[in-house]
Protein backbone atom coordinates (compact mmCIF):
# COMPACT_ATOMS: atom_id res chain seq x y z
CA MET A 1 -0.09 0.04 -0.19
CA THR A 2 1.49 3.43 -1.02
CA THR A 3 0.90 6.45 1.20
CA THR A 4 0.40 9.67 -0.31
CA SER A 5 2.25 12.72 0.78
CA HIS A 6 0.60 16.28 1.15
CA PRO A 7 3.17 18.74 0.54
CA MET A 8 2.89 21.94 2.57
CA THR A 9 1.06 24.23 0.05
CA GLU A 10 2.85 27.53 -0.81
CA THR A 11 0.55 29.67 0.94
CA SER A 12 0.98 28.04 4.24
CA GLU A 13 3.30 30.10 6.63
CA PRO A 14 4.99 28.76 9.64
CA ARG A 15 3.20 29.99 12.76
CA THR A 16 4.79 31.77 15.74
CA PRO A 17 4.51 29.84 18.87
CA THR A 18 2.91 31.58 21.49
CA TRP A 19 2.94 30.68 25.47
CA ASN A 20 0.74 32.34 27.87
CA PRO A 21 2.64 31.69 31.36
CA PRO A 22 1.09 33.49 34.25
CA CYS A 23 2.74 36.63 35.84
CA VAL A 24 4.37 35.69 38.93
CA VAL A 25 2.81 38.87 40.50
CA CYS A 26 -0.82 39.03 39.58
CA GLY A 27 -1.05 35.63 37.71
CA ASN A 28 -2.49 36.92 34.67
CA PRO A 29 -1.38 35.42 31.34
CA ILE A 30 1.69 37.22 30.12
CA GLY A 31 1.19 36.38 26.46
CA VAL A 32 5.13 35.99 25.31
CA GLU A 33 5.92 35.46 21.54
CA MET A 34 8.44 32.84 21.25
CA PRO A 35 10.16 33.53 17.78
CA ASP A 36 11.48 30.13 16.42
CA GLY A 37 10.38 28.48 19.54
CA LYS A 38 12.66 30.20 21.67
CA TYR A 39 11.20 31.72 25.25
CA VAL A 40 12.16 35.09 25.93
CA GLY A 41 12.39 34.88 29.62
CA ARG A 42 9.61 37.13 30.88
CA THR A 43 7.97 36.55 34.02
CA LYS A 44 5.84 39.68 34.81
CA CYS A 45 3.21 41.27 32.64
CA ASP A 46 3.47 44.93 31.52
CA SER A 47 1.27 46.28 34.47
CA CYS A 48 3.24 44.58 37.02
CA SER A 49 6.93 44.83 35.36
CA GLY A 50 6.12 48.81 35.13
CA GLU A 51 6.03 48.92 31.30
CA ALA A 52 2.60 50.06 30.98
CA LYS A 53 2.91 52.76 33.91
CA LEU A 54 6.02 54.03 32.27
CA GLN A 55 3.93 54.30 28.72
CA GLN A 56 1.29 55.76 30.50
CA LEU A 57 3.43 58.93 32.06
CA LYS A 58 5.08 59.28 28.43
CA ASN A 59 1.88 59.31 26.64
CA ALA A 60 0.91 61.81 29.27
CA GLY A 61 3.63 64.13 28.19
CA ILE A 62 5.62 63.86 31.59
CA PRO A 63 9.10 65.07 31.12
CA GLN A 64 11.68 62.31 30.91
CA TRP A 65 13.64 63.81 33.87
CA ALA A 66 10.82 63.81 36.03
CA ILE A 67 10.18 59.90 35.33
CA GLU A 68 13.82 59.13 35.92
CA GLN A 69 13.62 61.17 39.04
CA LYS A 70 10.03 59.74 40.22
CA VAL A 71 9.56 63.05 41.55
CA THR A 72 6.97 63.10 44.16
CA LEU A 73 5.77 65.95 46.63
CA PRO A 74 7.19 64.53 49.69
CA GLN A 75 10.63 64.40 48.10
CA PHE A 76 10.68 68.25 47.35
CA GLU A 77 13.30 69.93 49.01
CA THR A 78 11.77 73.17 50.79
CA ARG A 79 15.44 73.94 51.73
CA GLY A 80 14.26 75.09 55.48
CA THR A 81 12.72 78.17 53.74
CA ALA A 82 9.06 79.44 55.03
CA CYS A 83 8.33 80.34 51.26
CA LEU A 84 8.98 76.79 49.92
CA GLU A 85 7.27 74.89 52.93
CA ARG A 86 4.23 77.22 52.36
CA VAL A 87 4.21 76.57 48.37
CA ALA A 88 4.91 72.68 49.24
CA GLU A 89 2.07 72.66 51.68
CA LYS A 90 -0.33 74.09 49.16
CA ALA A 91 0.66 71.59 46.38
CA ARG A 92 -0.07 68.92 49.10
CA THR A 93 -3.51 70.46 49.70
CA PHE A 94 -4.08 70.56 45.93
CA MET A 95 -3.12 67.23 45.23
CA ALA A 96 -5.23 65.83 48.49
CA THR A 97 -8.14 67.37 47.02
CA LEU A 98 -7.59 66.50 43.60
CA THR A 99 -7.32 62.66 44.39
CA GLY A 100 -9.20 62.36 47.48
CA GLY A 101 -12.50 63.90 46.87
CA GLY A 102 -13.20 63.55 43.35
CA MET A 103 -11.91 66.11 40.60
CA LEU A 104 -14.34 68.94 41.06
CA PHE A 105 -14.01 71.49 43.47
CA ASP A 106 -13.47 75.02 44.39
CA ARG A 107 -10.41 76.86 43.17
CA CYS A 108 -9.39 73.93 41.11
CA TRP A 109 -6.31 76.07 39.53
CA LEU A 110 -3.01 76.38 41.23
CA LEU A 111 -0.44 78.97 39.75
CA LEU A 112 3.35 78.83 40.57
CA THR A 113 5.34 81.51 39.56
CA GLY A 114 8.99 82.30 40.43
CA THR A 115 12.45 82.36 38.63
CA GLU A 116 14.30 79.73 37.06
CA GLY A 117 15.37 76.58 39.26
CA THR A 118 13.12 77.36 42.18
CA GLY A 119 10.91 73.99 41.87
CA LYS A 120 7.99 75.03 40.20
CA SER A 121 8.25 72.35 37.46
CA HIS A 122 9.13 69.89 40.23
CA LEU A 123 6.05 70.47 41.82
CA ALA A 124 3.71 70.63 38.78
CA ALA A 125 5.17 67.25 37.47
CA ALA A 126 4.79 65.61 40.95
CA ILE A 127 1.08 66.69 40.80
CA ALA A 128 0.91 65.33 37.44
CA MET A 129 2.43 61.87 38.43
CA GLY A 130 0.29 61.59 41.42
CA ALA A 131 -2.69 62.13 39.57
CA ILE A 132 -2.32 59.35 36.97
CA SER A 133 -1.05 57.13 40.03
CA ALA A 134 -4.41 57.69 41.52
CA GLY A 135 -6.13 56.55 38.30
CA HIS A 136 -6.99 59.98 36.79
CA THR A 137 -6.14 61.35 33.15
CA ALA A 138 -3.48 64.18 33.08
CA ARG A 139 -1.71 65.88 30.25
CA PHE A 140 1.61 67.59 30.89
CA ALA A 141 2.87 70.11 28.33
CA THR A 142 5.11 73.08 28.02
CA PHE A 143 3.30 76.53 26.81
CA ASP A 144 5.40 76.37 24.01
CA GLU A 145 4.58 72.88 22.83
CA VAL A 146 0.74 73.97 23.17
CA LEU A 147 1.52 77.31 20.87
CA VAL A 148 3.30 75.04 18.18
CA GLU A 149 0.61 72.63 18.12
CA ILE A 150 -1.85 75.56 17.41
CA ILE A 151 0.07 77.14 14.91
CA ASP A 152 0.58 74.02 13.11
CA ALA A 153 -3.21 73.07 13.44
CA TYR A 154 -3.72 76.72 11.75
CA SER A 155 -1.27 76.43 8.64
CA ALA A 156 -1.34 72.89 7.87
CA ALA A 157 -0.39 72.98 4.12
CA GLY A 158 -3.19 71.60 1.63
CA GLU A 159 -5.95 71.75 4.11
CA THR A 160 -9.60 73.50 3.50
CA ASN A 161 -10.89 75.92 6.31
CA ALA A 162 -13.01 72.94 7.73
CA ASP A 163 -10.13 70.81 7.85
CA ARG A 164 -8.21 73.38 9.76
CA ALA A 165 -11.14 74.13 12.01
CA GLU A 166 -11.14 70.32 12.56
CA SER A 167 -7.58 70.14 13.36
CA VAL A 168 -7.85 73.38 16.00
CA LEU A 169 -10.94 71.56 17.57
CA ASP A 170 -8.41 68.22 17.97
CA VAL A 171 -6.02 70.33 19.89
CA VAL A 172 -8.55 71.84 22.06
CA LYS A 173 -9.85 68.57 22.98
CA LYS A 174 -6.39 67.18 23.60
CA TYR A 175 -6.07 69.56 26.22
CA THR A 176 -9.73 69.82 27.53
CA ASP A 177 -10.65 66.40 27.91
CA VAL A 178 -8.19 65.23 30.38
CA GLU A 179 -9.16 65.54 34.05
CA LEU A 180 -5.73 67.46 35.17
CA LEU A 181 -3.79 69.64 32.60
CA VAL A 182 -0.62 71.25 33.63
CA LEU A 183 1.00 74.14 31.39
CA ASP A 184 4.68 74.44 32.31
CA ASP A 185 6.65 77.90 31.37
CA VAL A 186 3.64 79.99 30.63
CA GLY A 187 4.52 83.21 28.96
CA VAL A 188 8.30 81.73 27.88
CA GLU A 189 7.08 82.78 24.35
CA GLN A 190 4.82 85.42 23.16
CA PRO A 191 1.57 83.71 21.62
CA THR A 192 0.09 85.11 18.19
CA PRO A 193 -3.28 86.45 18.51
CA HIS A 194 -4.73 83.05 16.88
CA SER A 195 -2.99 81.14 19.42
CA ILE A 196 -4.15 83.31 22.51
CA GLN A 197 -7.67 82.86 21.33
CA ILE A 198 -7.26 79.12 21.24
CA LEU A 199 -5.52 79.19 24.51
CA TYR A 200 -8.44 81.12 26.04
CA ARG A 201 -10.85 78.30 24.60
CA ILE A 202 -9.05 75.75 26.54
CA LEU A 203 -8.73 77.44 29.81
CA ASN A 204 -12.17 78.70 29.57
CA LYS A 205 -13.80 75.33 28.81
CA ARG A 206 -11.68 73.85 31.68
CA LEU A 207 -13.03 76.26 33.98
CA ASN A 208 -16.54 75.93 33.05
CA ASP A 209 -16.19 72.13 33.37
CA ARG A 210 -14.37 72.56 36.71
CA ARG A 211 -11.23 70.76 35.78
CA PRO A 212 -8.04 71.17 37.68
CA THR A 213 -5.27 73.31 35.97
CA VAL A 214 -1.64 73.60 37.08
CA MET A 215 0.18 76.49 35.57
CA THR A 216 4.02 77.47 36.06
CA SER A 217 5.63 80.82 35.07
CA ASN A 218 8.73 82.63 35.28
CA TYR A 219 6.68 85.91 35.56
CA PRO A 220 4.69 87.17 38.28
CA LEU A 221 0.68 87.49 37.91
CA THR A 222 0.72 91.15 39.12
CA ASN A 223 3.32 93.00 40.84
CA LYS A 224 6.50 93.34 38.70
CA ARG A 225 9.58 92.10 40.57
CA LYS A 226 12.96 93.26 40.24
CA GLY A 227 12.06 94.77 36.58
CA GLN A 228 10.36 91.46 35.15
CA PRO A 229 7.25 92.09 33.08
CA THR A 230 4.24 90.65 34.71
CA LEU A 231 2.60 87.47 33.08
CA GLY A 232 0.02 89.64 31.15
CA GLU A 233 2.69 91.95 29.66
CA ARG A 234 4.53 88.70 28.34
CA LEU A 235 1.09 87.21 26.84
CA SER A 236 0.28 90.46 25.18
CA GLU A 237 1.06 94.12 24.87
CA LYS A 238 -2.71 95.18 24.94
CA LEU A 239 -4.27 95.00 28.36
CA THR A 240 -6.54 97.63 28.35
CA ASP A 241 -9.62 96.48 26.62
CA ASP A 242 -11.42 92.97 26.65
CA THR A 243 -8.93 90.97 24.79
CA PRO A 244 -8.65 87.40 25.57
CA VAL A 245 -5.42 87.65 27.68
CA ARG A 246 -7.49 89.84 29.88
CA ARG A 247 -9.93 87.43 30.09
CA ILE A 248 -7.55 84.78 30.80
CA LEU A 249 -5.80 86.66 33.91
CA ASP A 250 -9.03 87.33 34.90
CA ARG A 251 -10.01 83.64 35.37
CA ILE A 252 -6.48 83.00 36.72
CA ALA A 253 -6.71 85.88 39.39
CA GLY A 254 -10.31 84.53 40.36
CA GLU A 255 -9.77 80.70 40.12
CA ALA A 256 -6.22 79.82 40.72
CA ARG A 257 -4.48 79.36 44.21
CA TYR A 258 -1.44 81.42 43.57
CA GLU A 259 2.06 81.02 45.25
CA HIS A 260 5.29 83.08 44.26
CA LEU A 261 8.40 81.26 44.95
CA ASP A 262 10.70 83.93 45.94
CA VAL A 263 13.81 81.79 46.59
CA PRO A 264 17.30 81.35 44.85
CA SER A 265 17.74 79.12 41.99
CA TYR A 266 18.26 75.70 43.58
CA ARG A 267 20.62 74.71 40.40
CA ARG A 268 22.90 77.63 41.00
CA MET A 269 23.01 76.73 44.76
CA LYS A 270 23.98 73.18 43.85
CA LYS A 271 26.94 74.73 41.68
CA SER A 272 28.28 77.05 44.39
């Protein structure tokens, strides 16, 4: 009796073996692929290994230095100064309210001002990372990053007016849909009239929705310090009428818990 062999057809492809061993921490299947039948050696799922959390922080725009340093509010150095002690306490109160009693509360904005190296960005990043760890959505962005996104949305080559409007709406939604927004270095670049209009839309929408917002700036909100311009003067040259900048400043003044970090630069102190 002769047997007939059935060779593999040309359309058949070798299958990549997979194995789903349990994670040694939580017991959920890891789903490891084994190219060429070789086990790659993972024992933890993405969640327990920290990969999922790391990617979540990156997707939220948390700066790499903050991720590497694993910044938190408790590790913030107050240098024994009454000013930084007060600011750190206000940040902790803001954080406790944000993560403990829901996302809607009075005066749900926080503005930190001060010169470079005083710890504003550290506090802001720590609040964002803490919110994410507590299960909230957050986005961290520098002011100039937002301005670039707005300008790109307006000037996208080859798009119709309707397409541009949709692109601008996408930018607005990106910064209004998250539960917590951190805008770092507000005023570092002077915005165009179009940009300031969109920025006003973002902030006004967040205010109406009672969504927490943290802002940092090198420039004081009102009183000039050591010849520095105020935040309003950095954002616009015209503050005498009902401009978007005037409306933004009015909302910040009425809504934000405000602290000025009047201390020397920590970076300069480390070098000396």
